[in-house]
Amino acid sequence: MIYKVYFQEKLTEVPVRERTNTLYIKGNTEGEVRLKLKDRHYNIEYIQPLDGAYLDYEQQNENYKVLEI
């Protein structure tokens, strides 16, 4: 499954919408995604599973690239 991760670059950074970054990553569960990103020290705000029409919509985004760790 593909997950969309909303995050801040630094663990100490307060979540602010204007500075929130996103990435797409493959994983079987949300927990697995968190483990894959653990060494990057991101302040993860939210992890959203993507499927169906929402996944199709996200794939049309020019910044859509799936991170495979």
Protein backbone atom coordinates (compact mmCIF):
# COMPACT_ATOMS: atom_id res chain seq x y z
CA MET A 1 0.00 0.00 0.00
CA ILE A 2 1.09 3.59 -0.59
CA TYR A 3 1.06 6.04 2.33
CA LYS A 4 1.25 9.83 2.27
CA VAL A 5 3.31 11.16 5.17
CA TYR A 6 2.95 14.74 6.42
CA PHE A 7 6.03 15.83 8.38
CA GLN A 8 8.37 18.58 9.58
CA GLU A 9 12.09 18.30 8.78
CA LYS A 10 13.20 18.50 12.43
CA LEU A 11 11.86 16.75 15.52
CA THR A 12 11.97 20.03 17.44
CA GLU A 13 10.02 21.98 14.82
CA VAL A 14 6.45 22.92 15.68
CA PRO A 15 3.95 21.73 13.03
CA VAL A 16 2.89 24.70 10.89
CA ARG A 17 0.88 24.14 7.73
CA GLU A 18 3.07 26.39 5.58
CA ARG A 19 6.19 24.40 6.47
CA THR A 20 4.70 20.91 6.32
CA ASN A 21 6.34 18.57 3.81
CA THR A 22 4.91 15.41 2.30
CA LEU A 23 6.32 12.22 0.91
CA TYR A 24 4.90 8.99 -0.44
CA ILE A 25 6.18 5.65 0.77
CA LYS A 26 5.36 1.97 0.28
CA GLY A 27 4.55 -0.12 3.32
CA ASN A 28 2.23 -2.80 4.65
CA THR A 29 1.15 -0.90 7.76
CA GLU A 30 1.43 2.55 9.29
CA GLY A 31 3.77 1.09 11.90
CA GLU A 32 6.08 -0.23 9.21
CA VAL A 33 6.18 3.21 7.58
CA ARG A 34 7.10 4.79 10.93
CA LEU A 35 9.93 2.26 11.38
CA LYS A 36 11.26 2.97 7.88
CA LEU A 37 11.38 6.71 8.61
CA LYS A 38 12.70 6.44 12.18
CA ASP A 39 16.35 7.11 11.28
CA ARG A 40 15.44 10.33 9.41
CA HIS A 41 14.32 12.07 12.63
CA TYR A 42 11.23 13.66 11.08
CA ASN A 43 8.45 15.14 13.18
CA ILE A 44 5.63 13.10 11.63
CA GLU A 45 2.25 14.81 11.84
CA TYR A 46 0.05 12.31 10.04
CA ILE A 47 0.28 9.17 7.92
CA GLN A 48 -2.56 8.66 5.46
CA PRO A 49 -3.16 5.44 3.49
CA LEU A 50 -3.89 6.08 -0.19
CA ASP A 51 -6.05 3.88 -2.38
CA GLY A 52 -8.71 4.06 -5.03
CA ALA A 53 -9.64 7.44 -6.48
CA TYR A 54 -7.54 9.35 -3.96
CA LEU A 55 -4.40 7.44 -5.01
CA ASP A 56 -5.23 8.11 -8.67
CA TYR A 57 -5.57 11.81 -7.88
CA GLU A 58 -2.24 11.95 -6.02
CA GLN A 59 -0.45 10.14 -8.87
CA GLN A 60 -1.37 13.04 -11.18
CA ASN A 61 0.65 15.43 -8.97
CA GLU A 62 3.99 16.35 -10.55
CA ASN A 63 5.72 15.85 -7.17
CA TYR A 64 4.44 12.28 -6.81
CA LYS A 65 7.41 9.98 -6.24
CA VAL A 66 7.21 6.87 -4.10
CA LEU A 67 10.09 6.50 -1.66
CA GLU A 68 11.18 2.89 -1.35
CA ILE A 69 13.26 2.09 1.71
